[in-house]
Amino acid sequence: MKERSVILLDEFESNLDLKVDNKLYTNHFTEEQLPEIISEIINNEKYRLK
């Protein structure tokens, strides 16, 4: 991971305003599943911030 990625990941993890239910942890996915991840984020309302 590049330095900026680590910073973004830390900001994501430490954001108190972002509920756990609104986070999708992708560390257990493979690169081949990227389209599936994107589709899940786009189509599942729980990942939308209101």
PDB file of N, CA and C in Angstrom:
ATOM      1  N   MET A   1       0.835  -1.186   0.000  1.00  0.00           N
ATOM      2  CA  MET A   1       0.000   0.000   0.000  1.00  0.00           C
ATOM      3  C   MET A   1       0.872   1.239   0.000  1.00  0.00           C
ATOM      4  N   LYS A   2       0.442   2.185  -0.733  1.00  0.00           N
ATOM      5  CA  LYS A   2       1.157   3.461  -0.762  1.00  0.00           C
ATOM      6  C   LYS A   2       0.824   4.248   0.503  1.00  0.00           C
ATOM      7  N   GLU A   3       1.622   5.250   0.796  1.00  0.00           N
ATOM      8  CA  GLU A   3       1.451   6.043   2.012  1.00  0.00           C
ATOM      9  C   GLU A   3       0.061   6.678   2.088  1.00  0.00           C
ATOM     10  N   ARG A   4      -0.419   7.232   0.996  1.00  0.00           N
ATOM     11  CA  ARG A   4      -1.732   7.872   0.991  1.00  0.00           C
ATOM     12  C   ARG A   4      -2.843   6.868   1.298  1.00  0.00           C
ATOM     13  N   SER A   5      -2.703   5.640   0.799  1.00  0.00           N
ATOM     14  CA  SER A   5      -3.693   4.605   1.079  1.00  0.00           C
ATOM     15  C   SER A   5      -3.768   4.303   2.570  1.00  0.00           C
ATOM     16  N   VAL A   6      -2.636   4.249   3.206  1.00  0.00           N
ATOM     17  CA  VAL A   6      -2.586   3.990   4.644  1.00  0.00           C
ATOM     18  C   VAL A   6      -3.253   5.136   5.405  1.00  0.00           C
ATOM     19  N   ILE A   7      -3.010   6.354   4.989  1.00  0.00           N
ATOM     20  CA  ILE A   7      -3.628   7.525   5.626  1.00  0.00           C
ATOM     21  C   ILE A   7      -5.140   7.472   5.454  1.00  0.00           C
ATOM     22  N   LEU A   8      -5.608   7.189   4.253  1.00  0.00           N
ATOM     23  CA  LEU A   8      -7.043   7.108   4.003  1.00  0.00           C
ATOM     24  C   LEU A   8      -7.687   5.987   4.819  1.00  0.00           C
ATOM     25  N   LEU A   9      -7.023   4.859   4.892  1.00  0.00           N
ATOM     26  CA  LEU A   9      -7.539   3.743   5.671  1.00  0.00           C
ATOM     27  C   LEU A   9      -7.655   4.119   7.144  1.00  0.00           C
ATOM     28  N   ASP A  10      -6.663   4.794   7.661  1.00  0.00           N
ATOM     29  CA  ASP A  10      -6.690   5.246   9.049  1.00  0.00           C
ATOM     30  C   ASP A  10      -7.833   6.238   9.279  1.00  0.00           C
ATOM     31  N   GLU A  11      -8.016   7.158   8.358  1.00  0.00           N
ATOM     32  CA  GLU A  11      -9.114   8.135   8.473  1.00  0.00           C
ATOM     33  C   GLU A  11     -10.462   7.415   8.435  1.00  0.00           C
ATOM     34  N   PHE A  12     -10.583   6.451   7.588  1.00  0.00           N
ATOM     35  CA  PHE A  12     -11.800   5.659   7.469  1.00  0.00           C
ATOM     36  C   PHE A  12     -12.093   4.926   8.776  1.00  0.00           C
ATOM     37  N   GLU A  13     -11.103   4.275   9.321  1.00  0.00           N
ATOM     38  CA  GLU A  13     -11.261   3.509  10.556  1.00  0.00           C
ATOM     39  C   GLU A  13     -11.565   4.385  11.767  1.00  0.00           C
ATOM     40  N   SER A  14     -10.966   5.547  11.820  1.00  0.00           N
ATOM     41  CA  SER A  14     -11.105   6.387  13.009  1.00  0.00           C
ATOM     42  C   SER A  14     -12.259   7.379  12.935  1.00  0.00           C
ATOM     43  N   ASN A  15     -12.982   7.389  11.829  1.00  0.00           N
ATOM     44  CA  ASN A  15     -14.099   8.320  11.676  1.00  0.00           C
ATOM     45  C   ASN A  15     -15.244   7.900  12.581  1.00  0.00           C
ATOM     46  N   LEU A  16     -15.502   8.668  13.619  1.00  0.00           N
ATOM     47  CA  LEU A  16     -16.543   8.345  14.582  1.00  0.00           C
ATOM     48  C   LEU A  16     -17.946   8.575  14.031  1.00  0.00           C
ATOM     49  N   ASP A  17     -18.054   9.377  12.989  1.00  0.00           N
ATOM     50  CA  ASP A  17     -19.357   9.662  12.387  1.00  0.00           C
ATOM     51  C   ASP A  17     -19.820   8.551  11.454  1.00  0.00           C
ATOM     52  N   LEU A  18     -18.925   7.679  11.074  1.00  0.00           N
ATOM     53  CA  LEU A  18     -19.260   6.609  10.146  1.00  0.00           C
ATOM     54  C   LEU A  18     -19.541   5.333  10.934  1.00  0.00           C
ATOM     55  N   LYS A  19     -20.788   4.874  10.864  1.00  0.00           N
ATOM     56  CA  LYS A  19     -21.205   3.688  11.611  1.00  0.00           C
ATOM     57  C   LYS A  19     -20.595   2.432  10.994  1.00  0.00           C
ATOM     58  N   VAL A  20     -20.389   1.434  11.832  1.00  0.00           N
ATOM     59  CA  VAL A  20     -19.823   0.162  11.378  1.00  0.00           C
ATOM     60  C   VAL A  20     -20.705  -0.450  10.289  1.00  0.00           C
ATOM     61  N   ASP A  21     -22.012  -0.290  10.418  1.00  0.00           N
ATOM     62  CA  ASP A  21     -22.940  -0.837   9.417  1.00  0.00           C
ATOM     63  C   ASP A  21     -22.735  -0.217   8.043  1.00  0.00           C
ATOM     64  N   ASN A  22     -22.159   0.961   7.987  1.00  0.00           N
ATOM     65  CA  ASN A  22     -21.938   1.651   6.717  1.00  0.00           C
ATOM     66  C   ASN A  22     -20.564   1.381   6.120  1.00  0.00           C
ATOM     67  N   LYS A  23     -19.811   0.504   6.732  1.00  0.00           N
ATOM     68  CA  LYS A  23     -18.475   0.186   6.239  1.00  0.00           C
ATOM     69  C   LYS A  23     -18.473  -1.181   5.583  1.00  0.00           C
ATOM     70  N   LEU A  24     -17.788  -1.279   4.479  1.00  0.00           N
ATOM     71  CA  LEU A  24     -17.616  -2.560   3.802  1.00  0.00           C
ATOM     72  C   LEU A  24     -16.130  -2.888   3.831  1.00  0.00           C
ATOM     73  N   TYR A  25     -15.786  -3.904   4.585  1.00  0.00           N
ATOM     74  CA  TYR A  25     -14.396  -4.310   4.674  1.00  0.00           C
ATOM     75  C   TYR A  25     -14.091  -5.266   3.525  1.00  0.00           C
ATOM     76  N   THR A  26     -13.152  -4.876   2.704  1.00  0.00           N
ATOM     77  CA  THR A  26     -12.867  -5.633   1.483  1.00  0.00           C
ATOM     78  C   THR A  26     -11.606  -6.488   1.589  1.00  0.00           C
ATOM     79  N   ASN A  27     -11.022  -6.566   2.757  1.00  0.00           N
ATOM     80  CA  ASN A  27      -9.763  -7.295   2.896  1.00  0.00           C
ATOM     81  C   ASN A  27      -9.909  -8.800   2.658  1.00  0.00           C
ATOM     82  N   HIS A  28     -11.112  -9.329   2.725  1.00  0.00           N
ATOM     83  CA  HIS A  28     -11.302 -10.758   2.483  1.00  0.00           C
ATOM     84  C   HIS A  28     -11.715 -11.053   1.039  1.00  0.00           C
ATOM     85  N   PHE A  29     -11.767 -10.038   0.198  1.00  0.00           N
ATOM     86  CA  PHE A  29     -12.082 -10.208  -1.216  1.00  0.00           C
ATOM     87  C   PHE A  29     -10.797 -10.319  -2.032  1.00  0.00           C
ATOM     88  N   THR A  30     -10.933 -10.885  -3.203  1.00  0.00           N
ATOM     89  CA  THR A  30      -9.794 -10.952  -4.127  1.00  0.00           C
ATOM     90  C   THR A  30      -9.928  -9.835  -5.159  1.00  0.00           C
ATOM     91  N   GLU A  31      -8.863  -9.597  -5.873  1.00  0.00           N
ATOM     92  CA  GLU A  31      -8.881  -8.575  -6.919  1.00  0.00           C
ATOM     93  C   GLU A  31      -9.921  -8.900  -7.996  1.00  0.00           C
ATOM     94  N   GLU A  32     -10.117 -10.164  -8.255  1.00  0.00           N
ATOM     95  CA  GLU A  32     -11.093 -10.582  -9.253  1.00  0.00           C
ATOM     96  C   GLU A  32     -12.526 -10.238  -8.851  1.00  0.00           C
ATOM     97  N   GLN A  33     -12.741 -10.033  -7.567  1.00  0.00           N
ATOM     98  CA  GLN A  33     -14.081  -9.721  -7.064  1.00  0.00           C
ATOM     99  C   GLN A  33     -14.369  -8.214  -7.031  1.00  0.00           C
ATOM    100  N   LEU A  34     -13.472  -7.433  -7.567  1.00  0.00           N
ATOM    101  CA  LEU A  34     -13.646  -5.987  -7.570  1.00  0.00           C
ATOM    102  C   LEU A  34     -14.994  -5.553  -8.163  1.00  0.00           C
ATOM    103  N   PRO A  35     -15.426  -6.100  -9.285  1.00  0.00           N
ATOM    104  CA  PRO A  35     -16.750  -5.718  -9.811  1.00  0.00           C
ATOM    105  C   PRO A  35     -17.885  -6.019  -8.815  1.00  0.00           C
ATOM    106  N   GLU A  36     -17.757  -7.109  -8.099  1.00  0.00           N
ATOM    107  CA  GLU A  36     -18.760  -7.473  -7.087  1.00  0.00           C
ATOM    108  C   GLU A  36     -18.772  -6.459  -5.940  1.00  0.00           C
ATOM    109  N   ILE A  37     -17.596  -6.044  -5.515  1.00  0.00           N
ATOM    110  CA  ILE A  37     -17.471  -5.042  -4.449  1.00  0.00           C
ATOM    111  C   ILE A  37     -18.120  -3.734  -4.885  1.00  0.00           C
ATOM    112  N   ILE A  38     -17.798  -3.291  -6.067  1.00  0.00           N
ATOM    113  CA  ILE A  38     -18.341  -2.032  -6.586  1.00  0.00           C
ATOM    114  C   ILE A  38     -19.856  -2.113  -6.699  1.00  0.00           C
ATOM    115  N   SER A  39     -20.342  -3.214  -7.205  1.00  0.00           N
ATOM    116  CA  SER A  39     -21.783  -3.403  -7.332  1.00  0.00           C
ATOM    117  C   SER A  39     -22.462  -3.359  -5.970  1.00  0.00           C
ATOM    118  N   GLU A  40     -21.883  -4.008  -4.992  1.00  0.00           N
ATOM    119  CA  GLU A  40     -22.441  -4.013  -3.641  1.00  0.00           C
ATOM    120  C   GLU A  40     -22.511  -2.599  -3.066  1.00  0.00           C
ATOM    121  N   ILE A  41     -21.464  -1.828  -3.250  1.00  0.00           N
ATOM    122  CA  ILE A  41     -21.426  -0.459  -2.745  1.00  0.00           C
ATOM    123  C   ILE A  41     -22.471   0.410  -3.447  1.00  0.00           C
ATOM    124  N   ILE A  42     -22.607   0.250  -4.739  1.00  0.00           N
ATOM    125  CA  ILE A  42     -23.547   1.062  -5.514  1.00  0.00           C
ATOM    126  C   ILE A  42     -24.997   0.685  -5.210  1.00  0.00           C
ATOM    127  N   ASN A  43     -25.264  -0.594  -5.071  1.00  0.00           N
ATOM    128  CA  ASN A  43     -26.649  -1.061  -4.992  1.00  0.00           C
ATOM    129  C   ASN A  43     -27.199  -1.264  -3.588  1.00  0.00           C
ATOM    130  N   ASN A  44     -26.360  -1.303  -2.595  1.00  0.00           N
ATOM    131  CA  ASN A  44     -26.841  -1.538  -1.242  1.00  0.00           C
ATOM    132  C   ASN A  44     -26.960  -0.210  -0.503  1.00  0.00           C
ATOM    133  N   GLU A  45     -28.166   0.109  -0.101  1.00  0.00           N
ATOM    134  CA  GLU A  45     -28.434   1.410   0.532  1.00  0.00           C
ATOM    135  C   GLU A  45     -27.697   1.602   1.855  1.00  0.00           C
ATOM    136  N   LYS A  46     -27.315   0.534   2.494  1.00  0.00           N
ATOM    137  CA  LYS A  46     -26.643   0.694   3.793  1.00  0.00           C
ATOM    138  C   LYS A  46     -25.276   1.362   3.660  1.00  0.00           C
ATOM    139  N   TYR A  47     -24.725   1.386   2.453  1.00  0.00           N
ATOM    140  CA  TYR A  47     -23.435   2.050   2.241  1.00  0.00           C
ATOM    141  C   TYR A  47     -23.570   3.490   1.800  1.00  0.00           C
ATOM    142  N   ARG A  48     -24.789   3.974   1.732  1.00  0.00           N
ATOM    143  CA  ARG A  48     -25.020   5.376   1.342  1.00  0.00           C
ATOM    144  C   ARG A  48     -25.103   6.252   2.599  1.00  0.00           C
ATOM    145  N   LEU A  49     -24.400   7.328   2.555  1.00  0.00           N
ATOM    146  CA  LEU A  49     -24.445   8.280   3.662  1.00  0.00           C
ATOM    147  C   LEU A  49     -25.545   9.287   3.398  1.00  0.00           C
ATOM    148  N   LYS A  50     -26.291   9.569   4.406  1.00  0.00           N
ATOM    149  CA  LYS A  50     -27.408  10.502   4.255  1.00  0.00           C
ATOM    150  C   LYS A  50     -27.225  11.703   5.125  1.00  0.00           C
TER     151      LYS A  50
END
